[in-house]
C-alpha atoms as a PDB file:
ATOM      1  CA  MET A   1       0.167  -0.247   0.072  1.00  0.00           C
ATOM      2  CA  ASP A   2       1.331   3.541  -0.508  1.00  0.00           C
ATOM      3  CA  VAL A   3       2.100   6.018   1.679  1.00  0.00           C
ATOM      4  CA  LEU A   4       0.328   8.446  -0.080  1.00  0.00           C
ATOM      5  CA  PHE A   5      -2.952   6.531   0.819  1.00  0.00           C
ATOM      6  CA  PHE A   6      -2.210   7.125   4.379  1.00  0.00           C
ATOM      7  CA  LEU A   7      -1.062  11.016   3.595  1.00  0.00           C
ATOM      8  CA  LEU A   8      -4.354  11.289   2.240  1.00  0.00           C
ATOM      9  CA  LEU A   9      -6.480   9.932   5.141  1.00  0.00           C
ATOM     10  CA  GLY A  10      -4.676  11.938   7.572  1.00  0.00           C
ATOM     11  CA  HIS A  11      -5.354  15.320   5.840  1.00  0.00           C
ATOM     12  CA  PHE A  12      -9.249  14.238   5.105  1.00  0.00           C
ATOM     13  CA  CYS A  13      -9.086  12.998   8.959  1.00  0.00           C
ATOM     14  CA  GLY A  14      -7.383  16.474  10.091  1.00  0.00           C
ATOM     15  CA  ASP A  15      -9.135  18.872   7.772  1.00  0.00           C
ATOM     16  CA  TYR A  16     -12.259  17.559   7.837  1.00  0.00           C
ATOM     17  CA  ALA A  17     -13.292  14.833  10.214  1.00  0.00           C
ATOM     18  CA  LEU A  18     -11.475  16.244  13.190  1.00  0.00           C
ATOM     19  CA  GLN A  19     -12.637  20.031  12.309  1.00  0.00           C
ATOM     20  CA  SER A  20     -16.086  21.045  13.872  1.00  0.00           C
ATOM     21  CA  ASP A  21     -18.011  23.800  12.079  1.00  0.00           C
ATOM     22  CA  LYS A  22     -17.333  25.808  15.034  1.00  0.00           C
ATOM     23  CA  THR A  23     -13.874  25.849  14.838  1.00  0.00           C
ATOM     24  CA  ALA A  24     -13.774  26.152  11.291  1.00  0.00           C
ATOM     25  CA  GLU A  25     -15.850  29.350  11.724  1.00  0.00           C
ATOM     26  CA  ARG A  26     -13.238  30.568  14.590  1.00  0.00           C
ATOM     27  CA  LYS A  27     -10.184  30.124  12.931  1.00  0.00           C
ATOM     28  CA  LYS A  28     -11.387  33.018  10.569  1.00  0.00           C
ATOM     29  CA  SER A  29     -10.782  35.627  13.383  1.00  0.00           C
ATOM     30  CA  SER A  30      -8.672  33.396  16.038  1.00  0.00           C
ATOM     31  CA  TYR A  31      -5.072  32.665  16.070  1.00  0.00           C
ATOM     32  CA  SER A  32      -5.608  30.161  18.778  1.00  0.00           C
ATOM     33  CA  ALA A  33      -8.426  28.537  16.860  1.00  0.00           C
ATOM     34  CA  LEU A  34      -6.482  28.546  13.714  1.00  0.00           C
ATOM     35  CA  THR A  35      -3.423  27.145  15.591  1.00  0.00           C
ATOM     36  CA  THR A  36      -5.231  24.401  17.451  1.00  0.00           C
ATOM     37  CA  HIS A  37      -6.473  23.036  13.922  1.00  0.00           C
ATOM     38  CA  VAL A  38      -3.245  23.027  12.152  1.00  0.00           C
ATOM     39  CA  LEU A  39      -1.787  21.048  15.339  1.00  0.00           C
ATOM     40  CA  ILE A  40      -4.521  18.528  15.420  1.00  0.00           C
ATOM     41  CA  TYR A  41      -4.187  18.189  11.440  1.00  0.00           C
ATOM     42  CA  THR A  42      -0.452  17.743  11.598  1.00  0.00           C
ATOM     43  CA  ILE A  43      -0.782  15.140  14.637  1.00  0.00           C
ATOM     44  CA  CYS A  44      -3.001  13.057  12.064  1.00  0.00           C
ATOM     45  CA  ILE A  45      -0.542  13.530   9.069  1.00  0.00           C
ATOM     46  CA  TRP A  46       2.156  11.965  11.796  1.00  0.00           C
ATOM     47  CA  GLY A  47      -0.184   9.477  13.362  1.00  0.00           C
ATOM     48  CA  PHE A  48      -1.054   8.021   9.718  1.00  0.00           C
ATOM     49  CA  LEU A  49       2.516   7.984   9.088  1.00  0.00           C
ATOM     50  CA  ALA A  50       3.156   5.976  12.245  1.00  0.00           C
ATOM     51  CA  LEU A  51       0.427   3.362  11.356  1.00  0.00           C
ATOM     52  CA  TYR A  52       1.942   3.246   7.711  1.00  0.00           C
ATOM     53  CA  SER A  53       5.506   2.824   9.244  1.00  0.00           C
ATOM     54  CA  PHE A  54       4.354   0.202  11.669  1.00  0.00           C
ATOM     55  CA  LEU A  55       2.787  -1.876   8.852  1.00  0.00           C
ATOM     56  CA  TYR A  56       5.182  -1.523   5.833  1.00  0.00           C
ATOM     57  CA  LEU A  57       8.073   0.783   6.870  1.00  0.00           C
ATOM     58  CA  PRO A  58       9.502   0.397  10.807  1.00  0.00           C
ATOM     59  CA  GLY A  59      10.953   3.783  11.941  1.00  0.00           C
ATOM     60  CA  LEU A  60       9.658   5.776   9.233  1.00  0.00           C
ATOM     61  CA  TYR A  61       7.397   8.176  11.574  1.00  0.00           C
ATOM     62  CA  LEU A  62      10.707   8.958  13.663  1.00  0.00           C
ATOM     63  CA  LYS A  63      13.074   9.610  10.914  1.00  0.00           C
ATOM     64  CA  THR A  64      14.640  13.157  10.560  1.00  0.00           C
ATOM     65  CA  ALA A  65      13.491  13.806   7.016  1.00  0.00           C
ATOM     66  CA  THR A  66       9.600  12.898   8.336  1.00  0.00           C
ATOM     67  CA  ILE A  67      10.052  15.376  11.385  1.00  0.00           C
ATOM     68  CA  LEU A  68      11.476  18.350   9.354  1.00  0.00           C
ATOM     69  CA  PHE A  69       8.210  17.575   6.618  1.00  0.00           C
ATOM     70  CA  LEU A  70       5.751  17.743   9.489  1.00  0.00           C
ATOM     71  CA  VAL A  71       7.437  20.829  10.784  1.00  0.00           C
ATOM     72  CA  PHE A  72       7.359  22.372   7.248  1.00  0.00           C
ATOM     73  CA  LEU A  73       3.826  21.213   6.795  1.00  0.00           C
ATOM     74  CA  LEU A  74       2.652  22.315  10.228  1.00  0.00           C
ATOM     75  CA  ILE A  75       3.901  26.273   9.074  1.00  0.00           C
ATOM     76  CA  GLU A  76       2.700  25.810   5.598  1.00  0.00           C
ATOM     77  CA  HIS A  77      -0.531  24.420   6.464  1.00  0.00           C
ATOM     78  CA  TRP A  78      -0.840  27.840   9.003  1.00  0.00           C
ATOM     79  CA  GLY A  79       0.214  30.252   6.289  1.00  0.00           C
ATOM     80  CA  GLN A  80      -2.158  28.717   3.709  1.00  0.00           C
ATOM     81  CA  ASP A  81      -5.290  28.697   6.048  1.00  0.00           C
ATOM     82  CA  TYR A  82      -4.353  32.565   7.077  1.00  0.00           C
ATOM     83  CA  ILE A  83      -4.080  33.191   3.706  1.00  0.00           C
ATOM     84  CA  LYS A  84      -7.584  31.739   2.734  1.00  0.00           C
ATOM     85  CA  HIS A  85      -9.586  33.466   5.706  1.00  0.00           C
ATOM     86  CA  ARG A  86      -7.993  36.501   6.008  1.00  0.00           C
ATOM     87  CA  ILE A  87      -7.099  37.582   2.497  1.00  0.00           C
ATOM     88  CA  ALA A  88      -9.025  35.306   0.011  1.00  0.00           C
ATOM     89  CA  ASN A  89     -12.179  35.951   2.498  1.00  0.00           C
ATOM     90  CA  CYS A  90     -12.709  32.019   2.271  1.00  0.00           C
ATOM     91  CA  SER A  91     -14.561  32.049  -1.421  1.00  0.00           C
ATOM     92  CA  ARG A  92     -15.365  28.781  -3.017  1.00  0.00           C
ATOM     93  CA  GLN A  93     -12.635  29.206  -5.219  1.00  0.00           C
ATOM     94  CA  ALA A  94     -10.060  29.813  -2.714  1.00  0.00           C
ATOM     95  CA  HIS A  95     -11.020  26.760  -0.871  1.00  0.00           C
ATOM     96  CA  TYR A  96     -10.904  24.372  -3.999  1.00  0.00           C
ATOM     97  CA  ILE A  97      -6.866  26.102  -4.323  1.00  0.00           C
ATOM     98  CA  ASP A  98      -6.304  25.536  -0.687  1.00  0.00           C
ATOM     99  CA  GLN A  99      -7.268  21.903  -0.864  1.00  0.00           C
ATOM    100  CA  VAL A 100      -5.084  21.189  -4.101  1.00  0.00           C
ATOM    101  CA  VAL A 101      -2.470  22.899  -2.762  1.00  0.00           C
ATOM    102  CA  HIS A 102      -2.656  20.768   0.872  1.00  0.00           C
ATOM    103  CA  ILE A 103      -2.684  17.641  -1.246  1.00  0.00           C
ATOM    104  CA  ALA A 104      -0.098  18.902  -3.506  1.00  0.00           C
ATOM    105  CA  ILE A 105       2.487  19.084  -0.531  1.00  0.00           C
ATOM    106  CA  LEU A 106       1.502  15.671   0.156  1.00  0.00           C
ATOM    107  CA  TYR A 107       2.249  14.861  -3.035  1.00  0.00           C
ATOM    108  CA  ILE A 108       5.527  16.447  -3.087  1.00  0.00           C
ATOM    109  CA  TYR A 109       6.823  14.709   0.165  1.00  0.00           C
ATOM    110  CA  ARG A 110       5.911  11.337  -1.409  1.00  0.00           C
ATOM    111  CA  ILE A 111       7.788  11.869  -4.595  1.00  0.00           C
ATOM    112  CA  PHE A 112      10.988  13.536  -3.491  1.00  0.00           C
ATOM    113  CA  ILE A 113      11.432  12.621  -0.090  1.00  0.00           C
ATOM    114  CA  PHE A 114       9.755   9.124   0.654  1.00  0.00           C
ATOM    115  CA  PRO A 115      11.445   7.452  -1.744  1.00  0.00           C
ATOM    116  CA  TYR A 116      15.001   7.861  -0.281  1.00  0.00           C
ATOM    117  CA  TYR A 117      13.683   5.537   2.799  1.00  0.00           C
END
């Protein structure tokens, strides 16, 4: 099974399943709500990487490159959601672009970082 599947599970879990409507609304105006969402999102990605690691590639979730990717993901996701909510005013087009970029970042990890494990 490909690691991208697990990354996408983490993405949808963190960006949709574990984000309430209240949180989605609050993160438009609250740095703490935005930060909480991004932390939950990043932990979901890490958790699904840990599951993949347990099943297929022991130690993957603790590798330096994975930890650095997660730090980058946290910063990137925070900035991207900040831009979507504060600058792009949460338009439908901004939401679609936001999701494409989130998934593209995961795909970039899969293509450029993951093959070296």
